[in-house]
Amino acid sequence: MAAELHVELVAADRQVWSGEATLVVARTTSGDIGVMPGHQPLLGVLESGPVTIRTSEGGTVIAAVHGGFISFADNKLSLLAEIAELSEEIDVQHVQRELERAKAEGDAHAERRAEVRLRAATAS
């Protein structure tokens, strides 16, 4: 069996994803970080951005994450997000309209959130 770590992606209102993975890539205030089994313990602040999870079965899970914390110890990774949604849950057309509206209104925060959601939804 390949080395794996247990991952919990939790938003403020629900558990978004849980399972075994071989690699997780997330954006922190210190930059992008990749966590694999056996990584040094860490605690960090998540920035808005896509999180990529390479599952033990060889699949990929992508989520749009907006703020929160990342913690890793004893091959257990916790991503505690303010807001998180899986890429397949994102309605691309709706988010494109949100992005256009945010740009028209000059709302940089809403624009950033829409851009992250679009990147997650269209990542392969």
PDB file of N, CA and C in Angstrom:
ATOM      1  N   MET A   1       0.845  -1.188   0.000  1.00  0.00           N
ATOM      2  CA  MET A   1       0.000   0.000   0.000  1.00  0.00           C
ATOM      3  C   MET A   1       0.883   1.242   0.000  1.00  0.00           C
ATOM      4  N   ALA A   2       0.543   2.198  -0.839  1.00  0.00           N
ATOM      5  CA  ALA A   2       1.276   3.459  -0.916  1.00  0.00           C
ATOM      6  C   ALA A   2       1.051   4.266   0.355  1.00  0.00           C
ATOM      7  N   ALA A   3       2.045   5.093   0.673  1.00  0.00           N
ATOM      8  CA  ALA A   3       1.902   5.960   1.838  1.00  0.00           C
ATOM      9  C   ALA A   3       0.743   6.919   1.610  1.00  0.00           C
ATOM     10  N   GLU A   4      -0.026   7.138   2.651  1.00  0.00           N
ATOM     11  CA  GLU A   4      -1.173   8.050   2.531  1.00  0.00           C
ATOM     12  C   GLU A   4      -1.381   8.805   3.819  1.00  0.00           C
ATOM     13  N   LEU A   5      -2.160   9.862   3.702  1.00  0.00           N
ATOM     14  CA  LEU A   5      -2.520  10.657   4.873  1.00  0.00           C
ATOM     15  C   LEU A   5      -4.032  10.809   4.892  1.00  0.00           C
ATOM     16  N   HIS A   6      -4.559  10.993   6.066  1.00  0.00           N
ATOM     17  CA  HIS A   6      -6.004  11.186   6.194  1.00  0.00           C
ATOM     18  C   HIS A   6      -6.293  12.683   6.107  1.00  0.00           C
ATOM     19  N   VAL A   7      -7.272  13.038   5.260  1.00  0.00           N
ATOM     20  CA  VAL A   7      -7.593  14.442   5.019  1.00  0.00           C
ATOM     21  C   VAL A   7      -9.038  14.713   5.429  1.00  0.00           C
ATOM     22  N   GLU A   8      -9.242  15.812   6.114  1.00  0.00           N
ATOM     23  CA  GLU A   8     -10.572  16.318   6.460  1.00  0.00           C
ATOM     24  C   GLU A   8     -10.648  17.759   5.964  1.00  0.00           C
ATOM     25  N   LEU A   9     -11.555  18.010   5.016  1.00  0.00           N
ATOM     26  CA  LEU A   9     -11.825  19.372   4.546  1.00  0.00           C
ATOM     27  C   LEU A   9     -13.179  19.769   5.101  1.00  0.00           C
ATOM     28  N   VAL A  10     -13.172  20.730   6.009  1.00  0.00           N
ATOM     29  CA  VAL A  10     -14.375  21.120   6.721  1.00  0.00           C
ATOM     30  C   VAL A  10     -14.614  22.618   6.546  1.00  0.00           C
ATOM     31  N   ALA A  11     -15.839  22.977   6.185  1.00  0.00           N
ATOM     32  CA  ALA A  11     -16.241  24.382   6.126  1.00  0.00           C
ATOM     33  C   ALA A  11     -16.985  24.712   7.413  1.00  0.00           C
ATOM     34  N   ALA A  12     -17.286  25.967   7.613  1.00  0.00           N
ATOM     35  CA  ALA A  12     -17.974  26.382   8.832  1.00  0.00           C
ATOM     36  C   ALA A  12     -19.332  25.698   8.982  1.00  0.00           C
ATOM     37  N   ASP A  13     -19.968  25.341   7.849  1.00  0.00           N
ATOM     38  CA  ASP A  13     -21.314  24.791   7.917  1.00  0.00           C
ATOM     39  C   ASP A  13     -21.431  23.302   7.614  1.00  0.00           C
ATOM     40  N   ARG A  14     -20.306  22.644   7.205  1.00  0.00           N
ATOM     41  CA  ARG A  14     -20.421  21.221   6.853  1.00  0.00           C
ATOM     42  C   ARG A  14     -19.050  20.589   6.614  1.00  0.00           C
ATOM     43  N   GLN A  15     -19.045  19.259   6.625  1.00  0.00           N
ATOM     44  CA  GLN A  15     -17.862  18.533   6.205  1.00  0.00           C
ATOM     45  C   GLN A  15     -17.918  18.437   4.680  1.00  0.00           C
ATOM     46  N   VAL A  16     -16.904  18.937   4.011  1.00  0.00           N
ATOM     47  CA  VAL A  16     -16.894  19.014   2.559  1.00  0.00           C
ATOM     48  C   VAL A  16     -16.335  17.730   1.944  1.00  0.00           C
ATOM     49  N   TRP A  17     -15.225  17.220   2.494  1.00  0.00           N
ATOM     50  CA  TRP A  17     -14.617  16.001   1.968  1.00  0.00           C
ATOM     51  C   TRP A  17     -13.762  15.374   3.045  1.00  0.00           C
ATOM     52  N   SER A  18     -13.740  14.042   3.047  1.00  0.00           N
ATOM     53  CA  SER A  18     -12.918  13.292   3.989  1.00  0.00           C
ATOM     54  C   SER A  18     -12.441  12.035   3.293  1.00  0.00           C
ATOM     55  N   GLY A  19     -11.182  11.696   3.479  1.00  0.00           N
ATOM     56  CA  GLY A  19     -10.674  10.475   2.884  1.00  0.00           C
ATOM     57  C   GLY A  19      -9.164  10.393   2.948  1.00  0.00           C
ATOM     58  N   GLU A  20      -8.641   9.389   2.243  1.00  0.00           N
ATOM     59  CA  GLU A  20      -7.203   9.151   2.218  1.00  0.00           C
ATOM     60  C   GLU A  20      -6.611   9.783   0.957  1.00  0.00           C
ATOM     61  N   ALA A  21      -5.415  10.344   1.096  1.00  0.00           N
ATOM     62  CA  ALA A  21      -4.775  11.031  -0.024  1.00  0.00           C
ATOM     63  C   ALA A  21      -3.270  10.789   0.008  1.00  0.00           C
ATOM     64  N   THR A  22      -2.647  11.048  -1.138  1.00  0.00           N
ATOM     65  CA  THR A  22      -1.193  10.949  -1.237  1.00  0.00           C
ATOM     66  C   THR A  22      -0.540  12.323  -1.294  1.00  0.00           C
ATOM     67  N   LEU A  23      -1.336  13.353  -1.658  1.00  0.00           N
ATOM     68  CA  LEU A  23      -0.809  14.714  -1.764  1.00  0.00           C
ATOM     69  C   LEU A  23      -1.954  15.715  -1.660  1.00  0.00           C
ATOM     70  N   VAL A  24      -1.707  16.800  -0.943  1.00  0.00           N
ATOM     71  CA  VAL A  24      -2.654  17.917  -0.872  1.00  0.00           C
ATOM     72  C   VAL A  24      -1.863  19.199  -1.124  1.00  0.00           C
ATOM     73  N   VAL A  25      -2.379  20.028  -2.041  1.00  0.00           N
ATOM     74  CA  VAL A  25      -1.746  21.314  -2.335  1.00  0.00           C
ATOM     75  C   VAL A  25      -2.740  22.412  -1.975  1.00  0.00           C
ATOM     76  N   ALA A  26      -2.284  23.371  -1.168  1.00  0.00           N
ATOM     77  CA  ALA A  26      -3.155  24.462  -0.708  1.00  0.00           C
ATOM     78  C   ALA A  26      -2.352  25.759  -0.688  1.00  0.00           C
ATOM     79  N   ARG A  27      -3.060  26.877  -0.713  1.00  0.00           N
ATOM     80  CA  ARG A  27      -2.433  28.195  -0.655  1.00  0.00           C
ATOM     81  C   ARG A  27      -2.514  28.720   0.775  1.00  0.00           C
ATOM     82  N   THR A  28      -1.362  29.102   1.322  1.00  0.00           N
ATOM     83  CA  THR A  28      -1.308  29.686   2.660  1.00  0.00           C
ATOM     84  C   THR A  28      -0.777  31.114   2.549  1.00  0.00           C
ATOM     85  N   THR A  29      -0.773  31.806   3.665  1.00  0.00           N
ATOM     86  CA  THR A  29      -0.245  33.169   3.673  1.00  0.00           C
ATOM     87  C   THR A  29       1.252  33.188   3.361  1.00  0.00           C
ATOM     88  N   SER A  30       1.920  32.029   3.504  1.00  0.00           N
ATOM     89  CA  SER A  30       3.348  31.921   3.194  1.00  0.00           C
ATOM     90  C   SER A  30       3.596  31.437   1.779  1.00  0.00           C
ATOM     91  N   GLY A  31       2.531  31.149   1.036  1.00  0.00           N
ATOM     92  CA  GLY A  31       2.659  30.636  -0.329  1.00  0.00           C
ATOM     93  C   GLY A  31       2.008  29.278  -0.446  1.00  0.00           C
ATOM     94  N   ASP A  32       2.114  28.689  -1.634  1.00  0.00           N
ATOM     95  CA  ASP A  32       1.529  27.368  -1.859  1.00  0.00           C
ATOM     96  C   ASP A  32       2.340  26.324  -1.109  1.00  0.00           C
ATOM     97  N   ILE A  33       1.639  25.310  -0.595  1.00  0.00           N
ATOM     98  CA  ILE A  33       2.299  24.248   0.145  1.00  0.00           C
ATOM     99  C   ILE A  33       1.751  22.908  -0.320  1.00  0.00           C
ATOM    100  N   GLY A  34       2.631  21.950  -0.462  1.00  0.00           N
ATOM    101  CA  GLY A  34       2.240  20.582  -0.765  1.00  0.00           C
ATOM    102  C   GLY A  34       2.510  19.727   0.449  1.00  0.00           C
ATOM    103  N   VAL A  35       1.527  18.930   0.836  1.00  0.00           N
ATOM    104  CA  VAL A  35       1.676  18.076   2.010  1.00  0.00           C
ATOM    105  C   VAL A  35       1.530  16.629   1.566  1.00  0.00           C
ATOM    106  N   MET A  36       2.535  15.835   1.897  1.00  0.00           N
ATOM    107  CA  MET A  36       2.533  14.412   1.592  1.00  0.00           C
ATOM    108  C   MET A  36       2.677  13.639   2.903  1.00  0.00           C
ATOM    109  N   PRO A  37       2.426  12.336   2.873  1.00  0.00           N
ATOM    110  CA  PRO A  37       2.612  11.545   4.097  1.00  0.00           C
ATOM    111  C   PRO A  37       4.017  11.754   4.656  1.00  0.00           C
ATOM    112  N   GLY A  38       4.114  11.870   5.972  1.00  0.00           N
ATOM    113  CA  GLY A  38       5.394  12.068   6.630  1.00  0.00           C
ATOM    114  C   GLY A  38       5.870  13.507   6.685  1.00  0.00           C
ATOM    115  N   HIS A  39       5.071  14.447   6.204  1.00  0.00           N
ATOM    116  CA  HIS A  39       5.429  15.869   6.236  1.00  0.00           C
ATOM    117  C   HIS A  39       5.645  16.303   7.687  1.00  0.00           C
ATOM    118  N   GLN A  40       6.453  17.305   7.859  1.00  0.00           N
ATOM    119  CA  GLN A  40       6.661  17.874   9.187  1.00  0.00           C
ATOM    120  C   GLN A  40       5.349  18.463   9.694  1.00  0.00           C
ATOM    121  N   PRO A  41       5.098  18.413  10.996  1.00  0.00           N
ATOM    122  CA  PRO A  41       3.885  19.048  11.525  1.00  0.00           C
ATOM    123  C   PRO A  41       3.836  20.512  11.114  1.00  0.00           C
ATOM    124  N   LEU A  42       2.619  21.002  10.859  1.00  0.00           N
ATOM    125  CA  LEU A  42       2.485  22.397  10.468  1.00  0.00           C
ATOM    126  C   LEU A  42       1.147  22.942  10.916  1.00  0.00           C
ATOM    127  N   LEU A  43       1.118  24.237  11.044  1.00  0.00           N
ATOM    128  CA  LEU A  43      -0.110  24.977  11.316  1.00  0.00           C
ATOM    129  C   LEU A  43       0.014  26.269  10.519  1.00  0.00           C
ATOM    130  N   GLY A  44      -0.984  26.556   9.686  1.00  0.00           N
ATOM    131  CA  GLY A  44      -0.906  27.746   8.854  1.00  0.00           C
ATOM    132  C   GLY A  44      -2.270  28.344   8.594  1.00  0.00           C
ATOM    133  N   VAL A  45      -2.250  29.523   8.022  1.00  0.00           N
ATOM    134  CA  VAL A  45      -3.471  30.245   7.662  1.00  0.00           C
ATOM    135  C   VAL A  45      -3.703  30.063   6.161  1.00  0.00           C
ATOM    136  N   LEU A  46      -4.905  29.618   5.801  1.00  0.00           N
ATOM    137  CA  LEU A  46      -5.256  29.429   4.400  1.00  0.00           C
ATOM    138  C   LEU A  46      -5.646  30.745   3.756  1.00  0.00           C
ATOM    139  N   GLU A  47      -5.173  30.932   2.547  1.00  0.00           N
ATOM    140  CA  GLU A  47      -5.598  32.043   1.699  1.00  0.00           C
ATOM    141  C   GLU A  47      -6.697  31.519   0.782  1.00  0.00           C
ATOM    142  N   SER A  48      -7.449  32.395   0.180  1.00  0.00           N
ATOM    143  CA  SER A  48      -8.426  31.976  -0.813  1.00  0.00           C
ATOM    144  C   SER A  48      -7.694  31.382  -2.000  1.00  0.00           C
ATOM    145  N   GLY A  49      -8.156  30.216  -2.428  1.00  0.00           N
ATOM    146  CA  GLY A  49      -7.545  29.561  -3.567  1.00  0.00           C
ATOM    147  C   GLY A  49      -8.040  28.139  -3.695  1.00  0.00           C
ATOM    148  N   PRO A  50      -7.747  27.520  -4.822  1.00  0.00           N
ATOM    149  CA  PRO A  50      -8.123  26.119  -4.994  1.00  0.00           C
ATOM    150  C   PRO A  50      -7.258  25.222  -4.110  1.00  0.00           C
ATOM    151  N   VAL A  51      -7.842  24.165  -3.588  1.00  0.00           N
ATOM    152  CA  VAL A  51      -7.121  23.118  -2.883  1.00  0.00           C
ATOM    153  C   VAL A  51      -7.241  21.874  -3.748  1.00  0.00           C
ATOM    154  N   THR A  52      -6.099  21.234  -4.004  1.00  0.00           N
ATOM    155  CA  THR A  52      -6.077  20.023  -4.816  1.00  0.00           C
ATOM    156  C   THR A  52      -5.702  18.848  -3.934  1.00  0.00           C
ATOM    157  N   ILE A  53      -6.522  17.811  -3.981  1.00  0.00           N
ATOM    158  CA  ILE A  53      -6.292  16.600  -3.194  1.00  0.00           C
ATOM    159  C   ILE A  53      -6.124  15.441  -4.170  1.00  0.00           C
ATOM    160  N   ARG A  54      -4.968  14.774  -4.131  1.00  0.00           N
ATOM    161  CA  ARG A  54      -4.746  13.569  -4.923  1.00  0.00           C
ATOM    162  C   ARG A  54      -5.115  12.383  -4.029  1.00  0.00           C
ATOM    163  N   THR A  55      -6.194  11.709  -4.389  1.00  0.00           N
ATOM    164  CA  THR A  55      -6.695  10.633  -3.542  1.00  0.00           C
ATOM    165  C   THR A  55      -5.840   9.375  -3.680  1.00  0.00           C
ATOM    166  N   SER A  56      -5.939   8.507  -2.705  1.00  0.00           N
ATOM    167  CA  SER A  56      -5.199   7.250  -2.710  1.00  0.00           C
ATOM    168  C   SER A  56      -5.604   6.357  -3.868  1.00  0.00           C
ATOM    169  N   GLU A  57      -6.833   6.526  -4.368  1.00  0.00           N
ATOM    170  CA  GLU A  57      -7.318   5.721  -5.487  1.00  0.00           C
ATOM    171  C   GLU A  57      -6.846   6.263  -6.829  1.00  0.00           C
ATOM    172  N   GLY A  58      -6.115   7.365  -6.834  1.00  0.00           N
ATOM    173  CA  GLY A  58      -5.604   7.937  -8.066  1.00  0.00           C
ATOM    174  C   GLY A  58      -6.450   9.067  -8.627  1.00  0.00           C
ATOM    175  N   GLY A  59      -7.534   9.425  -7.972  1.00  0.00           N
ATOM    176  CA  GLY A  59      -8.386  10.518  -8.424  1.00  0.00           C
ATOM    177  C   GLY A  59      -7.912  11.861  -7.899  1.00  0.00           C
ATOM    178  N   THR A  60      -8.602  12.888  -8.325  1.00  0.00           N
ATOM    179  CA  THR A  60      -8.285  14.246  -7.886  1.00  0.00           C
ATOM    180  C   THR A  60      -9.562  14.932  -7.420  1.00  0.00           C
ATOM    181  N   VAL A  61      -9.484  15.547  -6.257  1.00  0.00           N
ATOM    182  CA  VAL A  61     -10.584  16.351  -5.724  1.00  0.00           C
ATOM    183  C   VAL A  61     -10.086  17.786  -5.672  1.00  0.00           C
ATOM    184  N   ILE A  62     -10.886  18.696  -6.230  1.00  0.00           N
ATOM    185  CA  ILE A  62     -10.521  20.116  -6.207  1.00  0.00           C
ATOM    186  C   ILE A  62     -11.643  20.878  -5.518  1.00  0.00           C
ATOM    187  N   ALA A  63     -11.250  21.769  -4.620  1.00  0.00           N
ATOM    188  CA  ALA A  63     -12.226  22.579  -3.892  1.00  0.00           C
ATOM    189  C   ALA A  63     -11.793  24.038  -3.904  1.00  0.00           C
ATOM    190  N   ALA A  64     -12.771  24.923  -3.958  1.00  0.00           N
ATOM    191  CA  ALA A  64     -12.514  26.353  -3.787  1.00  0.00           C
ATOM    192  C   ALA A  64     -12.608  26.627  -2.288  1.00  0.00           C
ATOM    193  N   VAL A  65     -11.542  27.169  -1.731  1.00  0.00           N
ATOM    194  CA  VAL A  65     -11.472  27.424  -0.292  1.00  0.00           C
ATOM    195  C   VAL A  65     -11.242  28.911  -0.080  1.00  0.00           C
ATOM    196  N   HIS A  66     -11.980  29.474   0.853  1.00  0.00           N
ATOM    197  CA  HIS A  66     -11.889  30.909   1.137  1.00  0.00           C
ATOM    198  C   HIS A  66     -11.574  31.106   2.608  1.00  0.00           C
ATOM    199  N   GLY A  67     -10.293  31.206   2.920  1.00  0.00           N
ATOM    200  CA  GLY A  67      -9.840  31.471   4.279  1.00  0.00           C
ATOM    201  C   GLY A  67      -9.968  30.278   5.197  1.00  0.00           C
ATOM    202  N   GLY A  68      -9.240  30.331   6.290  1.00  0.00           N
ATOM    203  CA  GLY A  68      -9.299  29.266   7.285  1.00  0.00           C
ATOM    204  C   GLY A  68      -7.907  28.877   7.747  1.00  0.00           C
ATOM    205  N   PHE A  69      -7.795  27.619   8.178  1.00  0.00           N
ATOM    206  CA  PHE A  69      -6.539  27.121   8.739  1.00  0.00           C
ATOM    207  C   PHE A  69      -6.214  25.747   8.182  1.00  0.00           C
ATOM    208  N   ILE A  70      -4.906  25.439   8.147  1.00  0.00           N
ATOM    209  CA  ILE A  70      -4.426  24.122   7.759  1.00  0.00           C
ATOM    210  C   ILE A  70      -3.568  23.599   8.900  1.00  0.00           C
ATOM    211  N   SER A  71      -3.758  22.331   9.222  1.00  0.00           N
ATOM    212  CA  SER A  71      -3.017  21.714  10.312  1.00  0.00           C
ATOM    213  C   SER A  71      -2.637  20.296   9.908  1.00  0.00           C
ATOM    214  N   PHE A  72      -1.378  19.918  10.170  1.00  0.00           N
ATOM    215  CA  PHE A  72      -0.931  18.567   9.857  1.00  0.00           C
ATOM    216  C   PHE A  72      -0.086  18.026  10.992  1.00  0.00           C
ATOM    217  N   ALA A  73      -0.417  16.806  11.435  1.00  0.00           N
ATOM    218  CA  ALA A  73       0.364  16.076  12.435  1.00  0.00           C
ATOM    219  C   ALA A  73      -0.057  14.614  12.370  1.00  0.00           C
ATOM    220  N   ASP A  74       0.877  13.725  12.578  1.00  0.00           N
ATOM    221  CA  ASP A  74       0.608  12.282  12.635  1.00  0.00           C
ATOM    222  C   ASP A  74      -0.148  11.783  11.407  1.00  0.00           C
ATOM    223  N   ASN A  75       0.238  12.255  10.228  1.00  0.00           N
ATOM    224  CA  ASN A  75      -0.384  11.880   8.952  1.00  0.00           C
ATOM    225  C   ASN A  75      -1.875  12.185   8.898  1.00  0.00           C
ATOM    226  N   LYS A  76      -2.307  13.205   9.623  1.00  0.00           N
ATOM    227  CA  LYS A  76      -3.687  13.690   9.570  1.00  0.00           C
ATOM    228  C   LYS A  76      -3.656  15.163   9.208  1.00  0.00           C
ATOM    229  N   LEU A  77      -4.308  15.492   8.084  1.00  0.00           N
ATOM    230  CA  LEU A  77      -4.354  16.867   7.598  1.00  0.00           C
ATOM    231  C   LEU A  77      -5.763  17.405   7.770  1.00  0.00           C
ATOM    232  N   SER A  78      -5.868  18.533   8.433  1.00  0.00           N
ATOM    233  CA  SER A  78      -7.160  19.204   8.604  1.00  0.00           C
ATOM    234  C   SER A  78      -7.118  20.532   7.879  1.00  0.00           C
ATOM    235  N   LEU A  79      -8.115  20.745   7.031  1.00  0.00           N
ATOM    236  CA  LEU A  79      -8.312  22.019   6.357  1.00  0.00           C
ATOM    237  C   LEU A  79      -9.624  22.569   6.901  1.00  0.00           C
ATOM    238  N   LEU A  80      -9.544  23.581   7.727  1.00  0.00           N
ATOM    239  CA  LEU A  80     -10.714  24.171   8.372  1.00  0.00           C
ATOM    240  C   LEU A  80     -10.979  25.504   7.694  1.00  0.00           C
ATOM    241  N   ALA A  81     -11.951  25.520   6.798  1.00  0.00           N
ATOM    242  CA  ALA A  81     -12.189  26.682   5.953  1.00  0.00           C
ATOM    243  C   ALA A  81     -13.399  27.476   6.410  1.00  0.00           C
ATOM    244  N   GLU A  82     -13.349  28.783   6.181  1.00  0.00           N
ATOM    245  CA  GLU A  82     -14.528  29.619   6.421  1.00  0.00           C
ATOM    246  C   GLU A  82     -15.613  29.221   5.433  1.00  0.00           C
ATOM    247  N   ILE A  83     -15.226  29.101   4.149  1.00  0.00           N
ATOM    248  CA  ILE A  83     -16.129  28.681   3.079  1.00  0.00           C
ATOM    249  C   ILE A  83     -15.361  27.718   2.190  1.00  0.00           C
ATOM    250  N   ALA A  84     -15.991  26.609   1.810  1.00  0.00           N
ATOM    251  CA  ALA A  84     -15.362  25.665   0.877  1.00  0.00           C
ATOM    252  C   ALA A  84     -16.447  24.969   0.087  1.00  0.00           C
ATOM    253  N   GLU A  85     -16.148  24.725  -1.193  1.00  0.00           N
ATOM    254  CA  GLU A  85     -17.079  23.982  -2.031  1.00  0.00           C
ATOM    255  C   GLU A  85     -16.290  23.187  -3.055  1.00  0.00           C
ATOM    256  N   LEU A  86     -16.750  21.971  -3.296  1.00  0.00           N
ATOM    257  CA  LEU A  86     -16.118  21.112  -4.280  1.00  0.00           C
ATOM    258  C   LEU A  86     -16.349  21.661  -5.677  1.00  0.00           C
ATOM    259  N   SER A  87     -15.402  21.420  -6.572  1.00  0.00           N
ATOM    260  CA  SER A  87     -15.493  21.971  -7.925  1.00  0.00           C
ATOM    261  C   SER A  87     -16.781  21.563  -8.629  1.00  0.00           C
ATOM    262  N   GLU A  88     -17.245  20.342  -8.422  1.00  0.00           N
ATOM    263  CA  GLU A  88     -18.467  19.897  -9.106  1.00  0.00           C
ATOM    264  C   GLU A  88     -19.738  20.537  -8.545  1.00  0.00           C
ATOM    265  N   GLU A  89     -19.635  21.202  -7.409  1.00  0.00           N
ATOM    266  CA  GLU A  89     -20.783  21.889  -6.832  1.00  0.00           C
ATOM    267  C   GLU A  89     -20.949  23.317  -7.374  1.00  0.00           C
ATOM    268  N   ILE A  90     -19.972  23.779  -8.124  1.00  0.00           N
ATOM    269  CA  ILE A  90     -19.946  25.171  -8.570  1.00  0.00           C
ATOM    270  C   ILE A  90     -20.652  25.317  -9.919  1.00  0.00           C
ATOM    271  N   ASP A  91     -21.611  26.226  -9.981  1.00  0.00           N
ATOM    272  CA  ASP A  91     -22.330  26.554 -11.212  1.00  0.00           C
ATOM    273  C   ASP A  91     -21.520  27.629 -11.938  1.00  0.00           C
ATOM    274  N   VAL A  92     -20.788  27.214 -12.982  1.00  0.00           N
ATOM    275  CA  VAL A  92     -19.860  28.104 -13.673  1.00  0.00           C
ATOM    276  C   VAL A  92     -20.560  29.331 -14.255  1.00  0.00           C
ATOM    277  N   GLN A  93     -21.697  29.157 -14.890  1.00  0.00           N
ATOM    278  CA  GLN A  93     -22.405  30.296 -15.488  1.00  0.00           C
ATOM    279  C   GLN A  93     -22.821  31.306 -14.421  1.00  0.00           C
ATOM    280  N   HIS A  94     -23.304  30.809 -13.292  1.00  0.00           N
ATOM    281  CA  HIS A  94     -23.697  31.696 -12.192  1.00  0.00           C
ATOM    282  C   HIS A  94     -22.488  32.471 -11.669  1.00  0.00           C
ATOM    283  N   VAL A  95     -21.369  31.783 -11.510  1.00  0.00           N
ATOM    284  CA  VAL A  95     -20.166  32.442 -10.994  1.00  0.00           C
ATOM    285  C   VAL A  95     -19.625  33.462 -11.998  1.00  0.00           C
ATOM    286  N   GLN A  96     -19.728  33.183 -13.290  1.00  0.00           N
ATOM    287  CA  GLN A  96     -19.295  34.163 -14.291  1.00  0.00           C
ATOM    288  C   GLN A  96     -20.118  35.442 -14.194  1.00  0.00           C
ATOM    289  N   ARG A  97     -21.434  35.293 -13.954  1.00  0.00           N
ATOM    290  CA  ARG A  97     -22.282  36.484 -13.761  1.00  0.00           C
ATOM    291  C   ARG A  97     -21.885  37.233 -12.487  1.00  0.00           C
ATOM    292  N   GLU A  98     -21.573  36.487 -11.413  1.00  0.00           N
ATOM    293  CA  GLU A  98     -21.123  37.116 -10.167  1.00  0.00           C
ATOM    294  C   GLU A  98     -19.825  37.893 -10.393  1.00  0.00           C
ATOM    295  N   LEU A  99     -18.918  37.317 -11.183  1.00  0.00           N
ATOM    296  CA  LEU A  99     -17.647  37.968 -11.474  1.00  0.00           C
ATOM    297  C   LEU A  99     -17.872  39.265 -12.252  1.00  0.00           C
ATOM    298  N   GLU A 100     -18.707  39.221 -13.254  1.00  0.00           N
ATOM    299  CA  GLU A 100     -19.018  40.428 -14.040  1.00  0.00           C
ATOM    300  C   GLU A 100     -19.625  41.516 -13.160  1.00  0.00           C
ATOM    301  N   ARG A 101     -20.547  41.130 -12.288  1.00  0.00           N
ATOM    302  CA  ARG A 101     -21.185  42.089 -11.386  1.00  0.00           C
ATOM    303  C   ARG A 101     -20.158  42.687 -10.427  1.00  0.00           C
ATOM    304  N   ALA A 102     -19.280  41.840  -9.874  1.00  0.00           N
ATOM    305  CA  ALA A 102     -18.272  42.327  -8.936  1.00  0.00           C
ATOM    306  C   ALA A 102     -17.323  43.318  -9.607  1.00  0.00           C
ATOM    307  N   LYS A 103     -16.941  43.022 -10.849  1.00  0.00           N
ATOM    308  CA  LYS A 103     -16.065  43.940 -11.582  1.00  0.00           C
ATOM    309  C   LYS A 103     -16.767  45.266 -11.842  1.00  0.00           C
ATOM    310  N   ALA A 104     -18.043  45.209 -12.242  1.00  0.00           N
ATOM    311  CA  ALA A 104     -18.813  46.421 -12.528  1.00  0.00           C
ATOM    312  C   ALA A 104     -18.979  47.279 -11.280  1.00  0.00           C
ATOM    313  N   GLU A 105     -19.132  46.628 -10.119  1.00  0.00           N
ATOM    314  CA  GLU A 105     -19.333  47.354  -8.862  1.00  0.00           C
ATOM    315  C   GLU A 105     -18.020  47.718  -8.179  1.00  0.00           C
ATOM    316  N   GLY A 106     -16.901  47.212  -8.691  1.00  0.00           N
ATOM    317  CA  GLY A 106     -15.612  47.492  -8.066  1.00  0.00           C
ATOM    318  C   GLY A 106     -15.428  46.785  -6.742  1.00  0.00           C
ATOM    319  N   ASP A 107     -16.073  45.633  -6.569  1.00  0.00           N
ATOM    320  CA  ASP A 107     -15.994  44.868  -5.320  1.00  0.00           C
ATOM    321  C   ASP A 107     -14.854  43.846  -5.444  1.00  0.00           C
ATOM    322  N   ALA A 108     -13.657  44.226  -5.001  1.00  0.00           N
ATOM    323  CA  ALA A 108     -12.470  43.379  -5.153  1.00  0.00           C
ATOM    324  C   ALA A 108     -12.603  42.051  -4.407  1.00  0.00           C
ATOM    325  N   HIS A 109     -13.226  42.065  -3.233  1.00  0.00           N
ATOM    326  CA  HIS A 109     -13.389  40.832  -2.455  1.00  0.00           C
ATOM    327  C   HIS A 109     -14.287  39.843  -3.197  1.00  0.00           C
ATOM    328  N   ALA A 110     -15.414  40.301  -3.695  1.00  0.00           N
ATOM    329  CA  ALA A 110     -16.330  39.432  -4.440  1.00  0.00           C
ATOM    330  C   ALA A 110     -15.693  38.964  -5.748  1.00  0.00           C
ATOM    331  N   GLU A 111     -14.915  39.841  -6.362  1.00  0.00           N
ATOM    332  CA  GLU A 111     -14.224  39.477  -7.602  1.00  0.00           C
ATOM    333  C   GLU A 111     -13.220  38.354  -7.342  1.00  0.00           C
ATOM    334  N   ARG A 112     -12.436  38.473  -6.270  1.00  0.00           N
ATOM    335  CA  ARG A 112     -11.444  37.436  -5.910  1.00  0.00           C
ATOM    336  C   ARG A 112     -12.134  36.117  -5.615  1.00  0.00           C
ATOM    337  N   ARG A 113     -13.222  36.156  -4.870  1.00  0.00           N
ATOM    338  CA  ARG A 113     -13.948  34.927  -4.527  1.00  0.00           C
ATOM    339  C   ARG A 113     -14.473  34.243  -5.790  1.00  0.00           C
ATOM    340  N   ALA A 114     -15.039  35.017  -6.707  1.00  0.00           N
ATOM    341  CA  ALA A 114     -15.557  34.453  -7.959  1.00  0.00           C
ATOM    342  C   ALA A 114     -14.424  33.865  -8.797  1.00  0.00           C
ATOM    343  N   GLU A 115     -13.291  34.534  -8.848  1.00  0.00           N
ATOM    344  CA  GLU A 115     -12.156  34.023  -9.618  1.00  0.00           C
ATOM    345  C   GLU A 115     -11.654  32.695  -9.059  1.00  0.00           C
ATOM    346  N   VAL A 116     -11.582  32.573  -7.739  1.00  0.00           N
ATOM    347  CA  VAL A 116     -11.155  31.322  -7.106  1.00  0.00           C
ATOM    348  C   VAL A 116     -12.141  30.208  -7.437  1.00  0.00           C
ATOM    349  N   ARG A 117     -13.427  30.515  -7.345  1.00  0.00           N
ATOM    350  CA  ARG A 117     -14.459  29.511  -7.656  1.00  0.00           C
ATOM    351  C   ARG A 117     -14.357  29.061  -9.101  1.00  0.00           C
ATOM    352  N   LEU A 118     -14.128  29.992 -10.035  1.00  0.00           N
ATOM    353  CA  LEU A 118     -13.984  29.631 -11.440  1.00  0.00           C
ATOM    354  C   LEU A 118     -12.739  28.781 -11.679  1.00  0.00           C
ATOM    355  N   ARG A 119     -11.630  29.137 -11.054  1.00  0.00           N
ATOM    356  CA  ARG A 119     -10.407  28.338 -11.210  1.00  0.00           C
ATOM    357  C   ARG A 119     -10.624  26.925 -10.710  1.00  0.00           C
ATOM    358  N   ALA A 120     -11.285  26.776  -9.576  1.00  0.00           N
ATOM    359  CA  ALA A 120     -11.540  25.441  -9.028  1.00  0.00           C
ATOM    360  C   ALA A 120     -12.482  24.653  -9.939  1.00  0.00           C
ATOM    361  N   ALA A 121     -13.521  25.318 -10.427  1.00  0.00           N
ATOM    362  CA  ALA A 121     -14.521  24.629 -11.247  1.00  0.00           C
ATOM    363  C   ALA A 121     -13.977  24.199 -12.596  1.00  0.00           C
ATOM    364  N   THR A 122     -13.017  24.925 -13.121  1.00  0.00           N
ATOM    365  CA  THR A 122     -12.521  24.619 -14.463  1.00  0.00           C
ATOM    366  C   THR A 122     -11.173  23.888 -14.449  1.00  0.00           C
ATOM    367  N   ALA A 123     -10.629  23.619 -13.259  1.00  0.00           N
ATOM    368  CA  ALA A 123      -9.360  22.874 -13.169  1.00  0.00           C
ATOM    369  C   ALA A 123      -9.606  21.415 -13.550  1.00  0.00           C
ATOM    370  N   SER A 124      -8.605  20.832 -14.153  1.00  0.00           N
ATOM    371  CA  SER A 124      -8.786  19.421 -14.532  1.00  0.00           C
ATOM    372  C   SER A 124      -7.941  18.494 -13.725  1.00  0.00           C
TER     373      SER A 124
END
